Amino acid sequence: MSQRQTQPIRPDVLPLSLKSSSRLQRKADYTFSFCGDAVSAIYDRLEATGTDRNIGHTIDSWTSRLALFSGIEVKREGGSKDEALTQLAIWLCAGLENHRKLAKCPAEDLLPVVGWTVVGHDWHLYIAYRALNHRGLDTVVRGISLSELIHFLYENYSLCRLVLTWK
């Protein structure tokens, strides 16, 4: 980790408040980005086309040039779990909207994103995705317990093994 500085989110990708129709502004504590030799060619191609600005969904001049894929919201022991989840949900929703704009695709075609809240020593994993329902398009942020995650991985591992061995 090279730096620790909260990052404001770009206003054009922030979700709207249901109560006031204003943009919800929050900052992220930590984020993961794609970097290194494996993706440097992609960044080089983006820079050559002039689209290397605002790849990420932050205002920060450095972080906005990185492809961000996850966030972590951290609170001290005894901090508010609800506040941590609210901040993470805003971060994940903004990330999904940014991905939609970059990919120029329908929101329901986006891949899910994951993030974590950490309150003291208590870690929680969340997944966010866009889904169509009777109200139109919703962004869903759902917590995943450790037992659900283990079950999901086990079920998918077993399914993959079956598919790979099927002749």
N, C-alpha and C. Protein backbone atom coordinates (compact mmCIF):
# COMPACT_ATOMS: atom_id res chain seq x y z
N MET A 1 0.85 -1.16 0.00
CA MET A 1 0.00 0.00 0.00
C MET A 1 0.90 1.22 0.00
N SER A 2 0.73 2.09 -1.00
CA SER A 2 1.62 3.21 -1.12
C SER A 2 1.13 4.44 -0.38
N GLN A 3 -0.17 4.62 -0.21
CA GLN A 3 -0.65 5.78 0.50
C GLN A 3 -1.99 5.50 1.16
N ARG A 4 -2.31 6.29 2.18
CA ARG A 4 -3.62 6.20 2.83
C ARG A 4 -4.19 7.59 2.87
N GLN A 5 -5.16 7.83 2.03
CA GLN A 5 -5.81 9.12 1.96
C GLN A 5 -7.22 8.88 1.44
N THR A 6 -8.23 9.35 2.17
CA THR A 6 -9.58 9.15 1.68
C THR A 6 -9.75 9.87 0.35
N GLN A 7 -10.55 9.29 -0.53
CA GLN A 7 -10.71 9.80 -1.88
C GLN A 7 -12.16 10.20 -2.15
N PRO A 8 -12.39 11.46 -2.55
CA PRO A 8 -13.75 11.83 -2.93
C PRO A 8 -14.14 11.16 -4.25
N ILE A 9 -15.42 10.86 -4.38
CA ILE A 9 -15.95 10.20 -5.57
C ILE A 9 -16.39 11.27 -6.57
N ARG A 10 -16.18 11.00 -7.86
CA ARG A 10 -16.61 11.93 -8.91
C ARG A 10 -18.13 12.13 -8.83
N PRO A 11 -18.60 13.36 -8.88
CA PRO A 11 -20.04 13.64 -8.77
C PRO A 11 -20.89 12.99 -9.87
N ASP A 12 -20.35 12.82 -11.07
CA ASP A 12 -21.15 12.29 -12.18
C ASP A 12 -21.48 10.80 -12.04
N VAL A 13 -20.86 10.10 -11.10
CA VAL A 13 -21.17 8.68 -10.91
C VAL A 13 -21.79 8.39 -9.54
N LEU A 14 -21.97 9.42 -8.72
CA LEU A 14 -22.57 9.24 -7.40
C LEU A 14 -24.05 8.87 -7.51
N PRO A 15 -24.53 7.98 -6.64
CA PRO A 15 -25.97 7.66 -6.66
C PRO A 15 -26.80 8.83 -6.14
N LEU A 16 -28.07 8.84 -6.52
CA LEU A 16 -29.00 9.87 -6.07
C LEU A 16 -29.70 9.42 -4.80
N SER A 17 -29.93 10.36 -3.90
CA SER A 17 -30.72 10.08 -2.70
C SER A 17 -32.18 9.89 -3.10
N LEU A 18 -32.84 8.87 -2.54
CA LEU A 18 -34.25 8.65 -2.83
C LEU A 18 -35.13 9.74 -2.22
N LYS A 19 -34.66 10.35 -1.14
CA LYS A 19 -35.46 11.35 -0.44
C LYS A 19 -35.37 12.73 -1.08
N SER A 20 -34.16 13.13 -1.49
CA SER A 20 -33.99 14.51 -1.95
C SER A 20 -33.55 14.64 -3.40
N SER A 21 -33.29 13.55 -4.08
CA SER A 21 -32.78 13.54 -5.46
C SER A 21 -31.45 14.27 -5.60
N SER A 22 -30.74 14.43 -4.49
CA SER A 22 -29.40 15.02 -4.56
C SER A 22 -28.37 13.90 -4.57
N ARG A 23 -27.16 14.20 -4.99
CA ARG A 23 -26.09 13.21 -5.05
C ARG A 23 -25.57 12.93 -3.63
N LEU A 24 -25.34 11.65 -3.34
CA LEU A 24 -24.81 11.24 -2.04
C LEU A 24 -23.29 11.26 -2.11
N GLN A 25 -22.63 12.08 -1.31
CA GLN A 25 -21.18 12.19 -1.36
C GLN A 25 -20.55 11.48 -0.18
N ARG A 26 -19.64 10.60 -0.45
CA ARG A 26 -18.86 9.90 0.56
C ARG A 26 -17.46 9.70 0.02
N LYS A 27 -16.58 9.28 0.89
CA LYS A 27 -15.20 8.98 0.50
C LYS A 27 -14.90 7.54 0.86
N ALA A 28 -13.96 6.97 0.16
CA ALA A 28 -13.54 5.59 0.45
C ALA A 28 -12.26 5.60 1.26
N ASP A 29 -12.14 4.65 2.18
CA ASP A 29 -10.91 4.54 2.95
C ASP A 29 -9.81 3.85 2.15
N TYR A 30 -10.13 2.71 1.56
CA TYR A 30 -9.15 1.94 0.78
C TYR A 30 -9.82 1.41 -0.47
N THR A 31 -9.03 1.22 -1.50
CA THR A 31 -9.53 0.61 -2.73
C THR A 31 -8.45 -0.26 -3.34
N PHE A 32 -8.87 -1.21 -4.14
CA PHE A 32 -7.94 -2.03 -4.90
C PHE A 32 -7.98 -1.56 -6.35
N SER A 33 -6.84 -1.62 -7.01
CA SER A 33 -6.80 -1.25 -8.42
C SER A 33 -5.97 -2.27 -9.18
N PHE A 34 -6.20 -2.29 -10.49
CA PHE A 34 -5.39 -3.13 -11.35
C PHE A 34 -4.13 -2.36 -11.71
N CYS A 35 -2.97 -2.96 -11.45
CA CYS A 35 -1.71 -2.31 -11.82
C CYS A 35 -0.63 -3.39 -11.96
N GLY A 36 0.49 -2.99 -12.52
CA GLY A 36 1.60 -3.93 -12.69
C GLY A 36 1.75 -4.37 -14.13
N ASP A 37 2.67 -5.29 -14.34
CA ASP A 37 3.00 -5.75 -15.69
C ASP A 37 1.81 -6.38 -16.42
N ALA A 38 0.96 -7.07 -15.69
CA ALA A 38 -0.15 -7.78 -16.33
C ALA A 38 -1.13 -6.84 -17.01
N VAL A 39 -1.26 -5.62 -16.53
CA VAL A 39 -2.23 -4.68 -17.10
C VAL A 39 -1.60 -3.42 -17.68
N SER A 40 -0.28 -3.30 -17.65
CA SER A 40 0.36 -2.08 -18.13
C SER A 40 0.07 -1.82 -19.60
N ALA A 41 -0.06 -2.88 -20.41
CA ALA A 41 -0.37 -2.70 -21.84
C ALA A 41 -1.75 -2.07 -22.03
N ILE A 42 -2.70 -2.42 -21.17
CA ILE A 42 -4.04 -1.83 -21.26
C ILE A 42 -3.98 -0.34 -20.96
N TYR A 43 -3.26 0.02 -19.90
CA TYR A 43 -3.11 1.43 -19.56
C TYR A 43 -2.39 2.19 -20.69
N ASP A 44 -1.39 1.57 -21.29
CA ASP A 44 -0.67 2.20 -22.41
C ASP A 44 -1.60 2.46 -23.58
N ARG A 45 -2.47 1.49 -23.90
CA ARG A 45 -3.42 1.68 -25.01
C ARG A 45 -4.41 2.79 -24.69
N LEU A 46 -4.89 2.84 -23.45
CA LEU A 46 -5.81 3.91 -23.06
C LEU A 46 -5.14 5.27 -23.17
N GLU A 47 -3.90 5.36 -22.73
CA GLU A 47 -3.17 6.62 -22.82
C GLU A 47 -2.96 7.04 -24.26
N ALA A 48 -2.66 6.08 -25.14
CA ALA A 48 -2.44 6.38 -26.56
C ALA A 48 -3.71 6.90 -27.23
N THR A 49 -4.88 6.47 -26.76
CA THR A 49 -6.13 6.94 -27.35
C THR A 49 -6.64 8.21 -26.67
N GLY A 50 -5.95 8.64 -25.63
CA GLY A 50 -6.36 9.85 -24.93
C GLY A 50 -7.47 9.62 -23.92
N THR A 51 -7.79 8.38 -23.62
CA THR A 51 -8.88 8.10 -22.67
C THR A 51 -8.33 7.62 -21.32
N ASP A 52 -7.13 8.07 -20.97
CA ASP A 52 -6.56 7.61 -19.71
C ASP A 52 -7.06 8.42 -18.52
N ARG A 53 -7.85 9.43 -18.73
CA ARG A 53 -8.38 10.23 -17.63
C ARG A 53 -9.70 9.64 -17.15
N ASN A 54 -9.94 9.70 -15.86
CA ASN A 54 -11.21 9.27 -15.26
C ASN A 54 -11.57 7.83 -15.54
N ILE A 55 -10.60 6.95 -15.46
CA ILE A 55 -10.89 5.52 -15.52
C ILE A 55 -11.48 5.09 -14.19
N GLY A 56 -10.89 5.56 -13.11
CA GLY A 56 -11.42 5.29 -11.77
C GLY A 56 -12.52 6.27 -11.45
N HIS A 57 -13.23 6.05 -10.36
CA HIS A 57 -14.36 6.92 -10.04
C HIS A 57 -14.07 7.90 -8.90
N THR A 58 -12.80 8.32 -8.78
CA THR A 58 -12.46 9.32 -7.78
C THR A 58 -12.08 10.63 -8.46
N ILE A 59 -12.01 11.69 -7.66
CA ILE A 59 -11.59 12.99 -8.16
C ILE A 59 -10.06 13.11 -8.14
N ASP A 60 -9.41 12.37 -7.28
CA ASP A 60 -7.97 12.43 -7.12
C ASP A 60 -7.24 12.21 -8.45
N SER A 61 -6.26 13.05 -8.75
CA SER A 61 -5.59 13.00 -10.06
C SER A 61 -4.88 11.68 -10.30
N TRP A 62 -4.33 11.04 -9.27
CA TRP A 62 -3.64 9.76 -9.46
C TRP A 62 -4.64 8.60 -9.49
N THR A 63 -5.48 8.51 -8.49
CA THR A 63 -6.40 7.37 -8.37
C THR A 63 -7.42 7.35 -9.50
N SER A 64 -7.80 8.50 -10.04
CA SER A 64 -8.78 8.53 -11.12
C SER A 64 -8.24 7.91 -12.40
N ARG A 65 -6.93 7.75 -12.49
CA ARG A 65 -6.33 7.15 -13.69
C ARG A 65 -6.15 5.64 -13.55
N LEU A 66 -6.61 5.06 -12.45
CA LEU A 66 -6.48 3.63 -12.22
C LEU A 66 -7.83 2.93 -12.34
N ALA A 67 -7.82 1.70 -12.82
CA ALA A 67 -9.03 0.89 -12.88
C ALA A 67 -9.26 0.30 -11.48
N LEU A 68 -10.27 0.82 -10.80
CA LEU A 68 -10.58 0.41 -9.43
C LEU A 68 -11.63 -0.68 -9.45
N PHE A 69 -11.49 -1.67 -8.57
CA PHE A 69 -12.44 -2.78 -8.61
C PHE A 69 -13.04 -3.17 -7.28
N SER A 70 -12.62 -2.58 -6.19
CA SER A 70 -13.18 -2.95 -4.91
C SER A 70 -12.87 -1.86 -3.89
N GLY A 71 -13.62 -1.85 -2.81
CA GLY A 71 -13.38 -0.86 -1.77
C GLY A 71 -13.47 -1.48 -0.39
N ILE A 72 -12.83 -0.81 0.55
CA ILE A 72 -12.89 -1.23 1.95
C ILE A 72 -13.19 0.01 2.79
N GLU A 73 -14.20 -0.10 3.62
CA GLU A 73 -14.55 0.98 4.54
C GLU A 73 -14.20 0.54 5.95
N VAL A 74 -13.39 1.32 6.64
CA VAL A 74 -12.84 0.94 7.94
C VAL A 74 -13.35 1.89 9.03
N LYS A 75 -13.80 1.32 10.13
CA LYS A 75 -14.20 2.08 11.32
C LYS A 75 -13.47 1.50 12.53
N ARG A 76 -13.23 2.35 13.51
CA ARG A 76 -12.61 1.88 14.76
C ARG A 76 -13.54 0.93 15.50
N GLU A 77 -12.98 0.17 16.42
CA GLU A 77 -13.76 -0.69 17.31
C GLU A 77 -14.86 0.15 17.94
N GLY A 78 -16.09 -0.34 17.89
CA GLY A 78 -17.22 0.40 18.43
C GLY A 78 -17.81 1.40 17.44
N GLY A 79 -17.24 1.51 16.24
CA GLY A 79 -17.77 2.40 15.22
C GLY A 79 -19.08 1.89 14.66
N SER A 80 -19.72 2.70 13.88
CA SER A 80 -21.04 2.36 13.34
C SER A 80 -20.94 1.44 12.13
N LYS A 81 -21.51 0.23 12.28
CA LYS A 81 -21.56 -0.71 11.15
C LYS A 81 -22.45 -0.17 10.05
N ASP A 82 -23.55 0.50 10.42
CA ASP A 82 -24.46 1.06 9.42
C ASP A 82 -23.79 2.17 8.61
N GLU A 83 -23.03 3.01 9.28
CA GLU A 83 -22.31 4.08 8.57
C GLU A 83 -21.27 3.49 7.62
N ALA A 84 -20.55 2.47 8.09
CA ALA A 84 -19.56 1.82 7.23
C ALA A 84 -20.23 1.22 6.00
N LEU A 85 -21.37 0.54 6.18
CA LEU A 85 -22.07 -0.06 5.06
C LEU A 85 -22.62 1.01 4.12
N THR A 86 -23.13 2.10 4.65
CA THR A 86 -23.64 3.19 3.81
C THR A 86 -22.53 3.75 2.93
N GLN A 87 -21.38 4.01 3.54
CA GLN A 87 -20.25 4.54 2.77
C GLN A 87 -19.77 3.55 1.72
N LEU A 88 -19.69 2.27 2.08
CA LEU A 88 -19.26 1.26 1.12
C LEU A 88 -20.28 1.13 -0.01
N ALA A 89 -21.57 1.13 0.31
CA ALA A 89 -22.61 1.00 -0.71
C ALA A 89 -22.53 2.14 -1.72
N ILE A 90 -22.30 3.36 -1.25
CA ILE A 90 -22.16 4.50 -2.16
C ILE A 90 -20.94 4.31 -3.04
N TRP A 91 -19.83 3.85 -2.46
CA TRP A 91 -18.60 3.60 -3.23
C TRP A 91 -18.84 2.54 -4.31
N LEU A 92 -19.49 1.43 -3.93
CA LEU A 92 -19.74 0.35 -4.89
C LEU A 92 -20.71 0.79 -5.98
N CYS A 93 -21.76 1.52 -5.62
CA CYS A 93 -22.71 2.02 -6.62
C CYS A 93 -22.04 2.96 -7.61
N ALA A 94 -21.19 3.84 -7.11
CA ALA A 94 -20.46 4.76 -7.99
C ALA A 94 -19.52 3.98 -8.90
N GLY A 95 -18.89 2.93 -8.37
CA GLY A 95 -18.02 2.10 -9.20
C GLY A 95 -18.78 1.40 -10.31
N LEU A 96 -19.98 0.87 -10.00
CA LEU A 96 -20.80 0.24 -11.03
C LEU A 96 -21.21 1.24 -12.10
N GLU A 97 -21.60 2.43 -11.69
CA GLU A 97 -21.99 3.46 -12.66
C GLU A 97 -20.80 3.86 -13.53
N ASN A 98 -19.64 3.96 -12.91
CA ASN A 98 -18.43 4.28 -13.68
C ASN A 98 -18.12 3.18 -14.69
N HIS A 99 -18.23 1.93 -14.27
CA HIS A 99 -18.01 0.80 -15.19
C HIS A 99 -19.00 0.85 -16.35
N ARG A 100 -20.26 1.18 -16.05
CA ARG A 100 -21.28 1.26 -17.10
C ARG A 100 -20.92 2.34 -18.12
N LYS A 101 -20.48 3.49 -17.63
CA LYS A 101 -20.10 4.58 -18.54
C LYS A 101 -18.89 4.20 -19.39
N LEU A 102 -17.90 3.58 -18.77
CA LEU A 102 -16.71 3.18 -19.52
C LEU A 102 -17.02 2.11 -20.56
N ALA A 103 -17.84 1.13 -20.19
CA ALA A 103 -18.15 0.02 -21.09
C ALA A 103 -19.21 0.39 -22.12
N LYS A 104 -19.96 1.47 -21.86
CA LYS A 104 -21.05 1.87 -22.74
C LYS A 104 -22.01 0.71 -22.98
N CYS A 105 -22.42 0.09 -21.87
CA CYS A 105 -23.31 -1.07 -21.96
C CYS A 105 -24.50 -0.86 -21.02
N PRO A 106 -25.56 -1.64 -21.21
CA PRO A 106 -26.69 -1.55 -20.27
C PRO A 106 -26.23 -1.92 -18.85
N ALA A 107 -26.79 -1.25 -17.88
CA ALA A 107 -26.38 -1.46 -16.49
C ALA A 107 -26.56 -2.90 -16.04
N GLU A 108 -27.61 -3.58 -16.54
CA GLU A 108 -27.85 -4.95 -16.10
C GLU A 108 -26.82 -5.93 -16.65
N ASP A 109 -25.96 -5.51 -17.61
CA ASP A 109 -24.92 -6.38 -18.16
C ASP A 109 -23.60 -6.30 -17.39
N LEU A 110 -23.54 -5.44 -16.38
CA LEU A 110 -22.30 -5.27 -15.62
C LEU A 110 -22.02 -6.48 -14.73
N LEU A 111 -20.74 -6.76 -14.54
CA LEU A 111 -20.35 -7.80 -13.60
C LEU A 111 -20.47 -7.25 -12.18
N PRO A 112 -20.73 -8.08 -11.19
CA PRO A 112 -20.82 -7.62 -9.81
C PRO A 112 -19.46 -7.12 -9.30
N VAL A 113 -19.50 -6.30 -8.27
CA VAL A 113 -18.29 -5.84 -7.60
C VAL A 113 -18.40 -6.21 -6.12
N VAL A 114 -17.26 -6.33 -5.47
CA VAL A 114 -17.25 -6.70 -4.05
C VAL A 114 -16.55 -5.63 -3.23
N GLY A 115 -16.87 -5.60 -1.96
CA GLY A 115 -16.23 -4.69 -1.03
C GLY A 115 -16.36 -5.22 0.38
N TRP A 116 -15.64 -4.61 1.29
CA TRP A 116 -15.63 -5.04 2.68
C TRP A 116 -15.86 -3.86 3.59
N THR A 117 -16.52 -4.13 4.72
CA THR A 117 -16.51 -3.19 5.83
C THR A 117 -15.71 -3.85 6.94
N VAL A 118 -14.96 -3.03 7.64
CA VAL A 118 -14.18 -3.48 8.78
C VAL A 118 -14.48 -2.55 9.93
N VAL A 119 -15.10 -3.08 10.97
CA VAL A 119 -15.38 -2.31 12.17
C VAL A 119 -14.65 -3.01 13.30
N GLY A 120 -13.58 -2.38 13.78
CA GLY A 120 -12.71 -3.04 14.74
C GLY A 120 -12.04 -4.22 14.07
N HIS A 121 -12.30 -5.41 14.60
CA HIS A 121 -11.76 -6.63 14.00
C HIS A 121 -12.84 -7.42 13.26
N ASP A 122 -14.01 -6.83 13.07
CA ASP A 122 -15.15 -7.51 12.47
C ASP A 122 -15.23 -7.16 10.97
N TRP A 123 -14.94 -8.14 10.12
CA TRP A 123 -14.94 -7.96 8.67
C TRP A 123 -16.24 -8.51 8.08
N HIS A 124 -16.81 -7.78 7.11
CA HIS A 124 -17.99 -8.23 6.39
C HIS A 124 -17.78 -8.03 4.90
N LEU A 125 -18.13 -9.04 4.12
CA LEU A 125 -18.01 -9.01 2.67
C LEU A 125 -19.37 -8.67 2.07
N TYR A 126 -19.36 -7.79 1.06
CA TYR A 126 -20.59 -7.41 0.37
C TYR A 126 -20.38 -7.53 -1.13
N ILE A 127 -21.45 -7.83 -1.84
CA ILE A 127 -21.44 -7.89 -3.29
C ILE A 127 -22.50 -6.90 -3.78
N ALA A 128 -22.16 -6.15 -4.83
CA ALA A 128 -23.10 -5.18 -5.40
C ALA A 128 -23.28 -5.51 -6.87
N TYR A 129 -24.53 -5.43 -7.33
CA TYR A 129 -24.82 -5.70 -8.73
C TYR A 129 -26.07 -4.93 -9.13
N ARG A 130 -26.25 -4.79 -10.43
CA ARG A 130 -27.42 -4.12 -10.98
C ARG A 130 -28.41 -5.18 -11.43
N ALA A 131 -29.69 -4.96 -11.12
CA ALA A 131 -30.72 -5.94 -11.47
C ALA A 131 -32.00 -5.22 -11.88
N LEU A 132 -32.68 -5.78 -12.88
CA LEU A 132 -33.99 -5.26 -13.29
C LEU A 132 -35.05 -5.90 -12.41
N ASN A 133 -36.03 -5.08 -11.99
CA ASN A 133 -37.17 -5.60 -11.24
C ASN A 133 -38.41 -4.81 -11.63
N HIS A 134 -39.49 -4.97 -10.89
CA HIS A 134 -40.75 -4.30 -11.23
C HIS A 134 -40.66 -2.77 -11.15
N ARG A 135 -39.69 -2.22 -10.43
CA ARG A 135 -39.52 -0.77 -10.33
C ARG A 135 -38.55 -0.23 -11.37
N GLY A 136 -37.95 -1.09 -12.14
CA GLY A 136 -36.93 -0.66 -13.10
C GLY A 136 -35.60 -1.24 -12.70
N LEU A 137 -34.56 -0.43 -12.76
CA LEU A 137 -33.21 -0.88 -12.45
C LEU A 137 -32.86 -0.53 -11.01
N ASP A 138 -32.40 -1.50 -10.26
CA ASP A 138 -31.96 -1.29 -8.88
C ASP A 138 -30.50 -1.73 -8.74
N THR A 139 -29.80 -1.10 -7.84
CA THR A 139 -28.49 -1.58 -7.44
C THR A 139 -28.68 -2.31 -6.12
N VAL A 140 -28.24 -3.54 -6.07
CA VAL A 140 -28.39 -4.37 -4.88
C VAL A 140 -27.03 -4.51 -4.22
N VAL A 141 -26.97 -4.24 -2.92
CA VAL A 141 -25.76 -4.48 -2.13
C VAL A 141 -26.15 -5.50 -1.09
N ARG A 142 -25.53 -6.67 -1.16
CA ARG A 142 -25.93 -7.79 -0.30
C ARG A 142 -24.74 -8.30 0.49
N GLY A 143 -24.92 -8.46 1.77
CA GLY A 143 -23.88 -9.03 2.61
C GLY A 143 -23.78 -10.52 2.40
N ILE A 144 -22.58 -11.03 2.49
CA ILE A 144 -22.34 -12.47 2.35
C ILE A 144 -21.61 -12.94 3.60
N SER A 145 -22.22 -13.87 4.30
CA SER A 145 -21.57 -14.40 5.50
C SER A 145 -20.46 -15.36 5.08
N LEU A 146 -19.56 -15.64 5.98
CA LEU A 146 -18.46 -16.56 5.69
C LEU A 146 -18.99 -17.94 5.31
N SER A 147 -20.03 -18.42 6.01
CA SER A 147 -20.57 -19.74 5.68
C SER A 147 -21.20 -19.75 4.29
N GLU A 148 -21.90 -18.66 3.91
CA GLU A 148 -22.45 -18.57 2.56
C GLU A 148 -21.35 -18.56 1.51
N LEU A 149 -20.28 -17.82 1.79
CA LEU A 149 -19.16 -17.75 0.85
C LEU A 149 -18.51 -19.12 0.67
N ILE A 150 -18.28 -19.82 1.77
CA ILE A 150 -17.68 -21.15 1.68
C ILE A 150 -18.60 -22.09 0.90
N HIS A 151 -19.90 -22.03 1.19
CA HIS A 151 -20.86 -22.87 0.47
C HIS A 151 -20.86 -22.52 -1.02
N PHE A 152 -20.87 -21.23 -1.36
CA PHE A 152 -20.86 -20.78 -2.77
C PHE A 152 -19.61 -21.29 -3.48
N LEU A 153 -18.45 -21.12 -2.85
CA LEU A 153 -17.20 -21.58 -3.47
C LEU A 153 -17.18 -23.09 -3.63
N TYR A 154 -17.65 -23.79 -2.62
CA TYR A 154 -17.70 -25.26 -2.70
C TYR A 154 -18.62 -25.70 -3.83
N GLU A 155 -19.82 -25.11 -3.89
CA GLU A 155 -20.79 -25.49 -4.92
C GLU A 155 -20.23 -25.20 -6.32
N ASN A 156 -19.62 -24.05 -6.51
CA ASN A 156 -19.09 -23.71 -7.82
C ASN A 156 -17.86 -24.53 -8.16
N TYR A 157 -17.05 -24.85 -7.19
CA TYR A 157 -15.88 -25.69 -7.44
C TYR A 157 -16.34 -27.07 -7.90
N SER A 158 -17.32 -27.61 -7.21
CA SER A 158 -17.84 -28.93 -7.58
C SER A 158 -18.45 -28.90 -8.97
N LEU A 159 -19.20 -27.84 -9.29
CA LEU A 159 -19.80 -27.70 -10.60
C LEU A 159 -18.73 -27.60 -11.69
N CYS A 160 -17.72 -26.80 -11.45
CA CYS A 160 -16.62 -26.66 -12.43
C CYS A 160 -15.91 -27.98 -12.65
N ARG A 161 -15.66 -28.71 -11.59
CA ARG A 161 -15.01 -30.02 -11.73
C ARG A 161 -15.87 -30.96 -12.56
N LEU A 162 -17.18 -30.94 -12.33
CA LEU A 162 -18.08 -31.79 -13.11
C LEU A 162 -18.06 -31.41 -14.59
N VAL A 163 -18.12 -30.12 -14.88
CA VAL A 163 -18.12 -29.66 -16.26
C VAL A 163 -16.80 -30.01 -16.95
N LEU A 164 -15.71 -29.81 -16.26
CA LEU A 164 -14.40 -30.08 -16.86
C LEU A 164 -14.16 -31.56 -17.13
N THR A 165 -14.76 -32.42 -16.31
CA THR A 165 -14.55 -33.85 -16.50
C THR A 165 -15.62 -34.49 -17.39
N TRP A 166 -16.64 -33.74 -17.75
CA TRP A 166 -17.70 -34.25 -18.60
C TRP A 166 -17.20 -34.42 -20.02
N LYS A 167 -17.42 -35.58 -20.59
CA LYS A 167 -16.93 -35.84 -21.96
C LYS A 167 -18.06 -36.11 -22.89
